[in-house]
Amino acid sequence: MNFPEVIERKRDGGATRPEEMEALIRGLLDGSIPEYQVSAWLMAVVFRGMDFAETATLTRLMMESGDVLDFSDLGEPMVDKHSTGGVGDKISIPLAPAVAAAGARIPMISGRGLGHTGGTLDKLESIPGLRTDLDADAFRRTLEELGFAIIGAGPSLAPADGRLYALRDVTGTVPSVPLITASILSKKYAAGVDGLVLDVKCGSGAFMRTREDAAELARVLVGVSARMGKSARALVTSMDEPIGAAVGNALEVRESIDVLRGEGPADVTELVLSLGAEMLRLAGLESDVTGARDRIRERIDSGAALELFGRWIEAQGGDPRVLDEPDRLPAAPVVRTVAAPRGGWLAAVETRDVGFAANALGAGRTRVGDSVDPAVGFVFRARLGTRLAAGDPLADVHAADPAAAEHAEKRLLACLELADEEPKPQPTVLETVDAPQGGG
């Protein structure tokens, strides 16, 4: 195969054929195709795109580049959820036990924080002793016994994605809907998932800043899933402010426990119910949204979801006493309240910059391999649309030392806009995207 011809055809708007895509993935992994040629093809994809068939082929080949888990012997459909990421996005933590308590099975492969977004694994590992590096046997055993398990993606799952993403990261080829789609779906479907609910964020803290761009990504994710014979549904949701009040690893675990006690912030609870309802529908456990939401709500109100969460923490090596004694979670030595500099309505939040400000405290990482401080972060005491007087509390900064707290306060104030007029409220869930006719 003459790979420069493949690059030129994509550059000119043509399609990459399945056998060429297969050679590309094989050549990337064994070194027979130079990285500079793969990078040139990636840039051509950024400018010219790929159709549903091409994207589905790339996704399948990336999925099959390593191990593909199979839980079919358990006799039940496996469902999962994926979020495109954001600030304060701890939804997977209360969602998994709530949906599992309602009868679904969830083999959840999660990631770590990078850039302005947090990572589920970092948050969970703030629980003393908890492990997310289970081997395949322990992962299966926990899934079978409890209905859900949460681990990180090992090197054997979709290794082509890791190689491709490393190239995309250093060649300016990350923002491409087909490449994002293949990256997300290859890992999820390699984990043995039959049905997938996608939480596609849009707004000031999302990778997709506009609702239109988020809806496009949602349509491609769902359409490519259909091409692969998988059931998927996407919700386009707002990320114009952090989700919930807490931003930071242990702080978000505390808030997740509150949600499972029925005492969490309204937007976090709404996302758990909305995403969880779609997971139950894809699993065939409920036929309508109202019945599915009621089923999850009952599991939360009865304490069944919280009890299951505690059993899961213990099964993966953590200390379940954090549910009743949250002070066992890491706590920052300095807490500083940020006050409103003037009166007015909290009208806008530059949420991406809030994430970077949390990173500067140590809550996240800018490079793979950076360490995180599980104790630091922010807890917002005002939400969009809150009417404030001068001196009213906006947020609490949790920091390792006074200097870091003072610096974070200045950065946080620069992220918040106070106005004299009340902003228009926006729903948490903006739209739902189902599989198109014909699978895309």
Foldseek 3Di string as FASTA:
>chain_A
DPLVVQLVCLLVQHARDLVNLLCLLVCLVVVVDPLVSVLSSLVSCQVRNHDLVRLLSNLVSLLPPFAADAPCVLVFAEEEEEEQFFFLPQLVLLQQLLLVLLPAAYEAAWDADAALGGTNVLQLPLFPFFAQDDDPVLSVVLRSPQRYHYHHDDCRGSVSLVSVVVSCVPSVNPPGLSNVLSSVNSRVRSSHHQEYEYEQEEDLTGPHPDPVVSVVSQQSNQLSCVVVVGFYKYFYFYRQAHQFFWGFRLRSVVLSLCVLLVRHDPLSVVCSLQRSLVRCCSRVNDPDSVVRSVSSVVCSPVSVSLVSSLVNRVSRGGDSCCSVVVVSRDAFPDKDWQWAQAWAFFAGFSRSLLSVLQVLLFRHDHDPPDHGDRHWHKGAPHDGQDTDGGGHTGIMTRHNDPVSRVVSSVSRVVRIDGDHDGYDDDDGTDDMDGQDPPSD
